[in-house]
Amino acid sequence: MKKLIGILLITLYACSPKYEVIQQLAPDKYHLQGVKGQDVIIVITSSKLKEGQLVTLKSLKQSNGYIE
């Protein structure tokens, strides 16, 4: 049962959309672009990100939950 839950969690994490950090717009404000599609979002987060880094929205610690 634990293996099944582990496989399910890994599958859900691996299938979540990934975004590339394009640039930092302001302190704690970043411009992200979807790796697979044409998605572009602006996110405010307390996480420190670097240009070129791949992230998922789930992995970000959002300071106030604001995403454009």
Protein backbone atom coordinates (compact mmCIF):
# COMPACT_ATOMS: atom_id res chain seq x y z
CA MET A 1 0.00 0.00 0.00
CA LYS A 2 2.84 2.42 0.85
CA LYS A 3 4.47 1.71 -2.53
CA LEU A 4 1.24 2.51 -4.34
CA ILE A 5 0.87 5.82 -2.51
CA GLY A 6 4.53 6.67 -3.20
CA ILE A 7 4.17 5.91 -6.91
CA LEU A 8 0.99 7.98 -7.07
CA LEU A 9 2.65 10.97 -5.40
CA ILE A 10 5.69 10.78 -7.69
CA THR A 11 3.43 10.61 -10.74
CA LEU A 12 1.42 13.63 -9.62
CA TYR A 13 4.58 15.66 -8.99
CA ALA A 14 6.20 14.64 -12.28
CA CYS A 15 3.09 15.57 -14.27
CA SER A 16 2.71 19.03 -12.77
CA PRO A 17 3.46 21.89 -15.19
CA LYS A 18 7.00 23.22 -15.06
CA TYR A 19 7.97 26.85 -15.52
CA GLU A 20 11.32 28.46 -16.31
CA VAL A 21 12.37 31.59 -14.45
CA ILE A 22 12.96 34.24 -17.13
CA GLN A 23 13.82 37.24 -14.97
CA GLN A 24 13.41 38.89 -11.60
CA LEU A 25 11.13 41.92 -11.94
CA ALA A 26 11.39 43.20 -8.36
CA PRO A 27 12.32 41.76 -4.98
CA ASP A 28 10.22 38.59 -4.59
CA LYS A 29 8.52 39.12 -8.00
CA TYR A 30 9.43 36.87 -10.95
CA HIS A 31 8.49 36.40 -14.61
CA LEU A 32 7.97 32.69 -15.41
CA GLN A 33 7.31 31.00 -18.75
CA GLY A 34 5.86 27.52 -19.29
CA VAL A 35 8.31 24.94 -20.61
CA LYS A 36 5.81 23.08 -22.80
CA GLY A 37 3.40 25.81 -23.79
CA GLN A 38 3.06 29.53 -24.22
CA ASP A 39 2.05 30.15 -20.60
CA VAL A 40 3.51 33.29 -19.05
CA ILE A 41 2.91 34.16 -15.40
CA ILE A 42 4.10 36.69 -12.86
CA VAL A 43 4.50 35.31 -9.36
CA ILE A 44 5.25 36.92 -6.01
CA THR A 45 7.04 34.48 -3.72
CA SER A 46 9.38 34.49 -0.77
CA SER A 47 11.47 31.76 -2.45
CA LYS A 48 14.75 32.90 -3.97
CA LEU A 49 14.81 31.94 -7.66
CA LYS A 50 17.56 32.12 -10.28
CA GLU A 51 17.19 32.82 -14.01
CA GLY A 52 16.93 29.58 -15.98
CA GLN A 53 15.73 27.57 -12.97
CA LEU A 54 12.83 25.16 -13.54
CA VAL A 55 10.09 25.28 -10.91
CA THR A 56 6.55 24.08 -10.34
CA LEU A 57 3.94 26.31 -8.78
CA LYS A 58 3.47 23.76 -6.01
CA SER A 59 7.12 24.05 -5.05
CA LEU A 60 7.01 27.82 -4.58
CA LYS A 61 6.39 29.28 -1.16
CA GLN A 62 3.96 32.02 -2.08
CA SER A 63 4.13 34.93 0.33
CA ASN A 64 0.61 36.13 -0.42
CA GLY A 65 -0.64 33.70 -3.09
CA TYR A 66 -0.61 36.31 -5.84
CA ILE A 67 -0.17 34.95 -9.38
CA GLU A 68 -1.04 36.84 -12.56
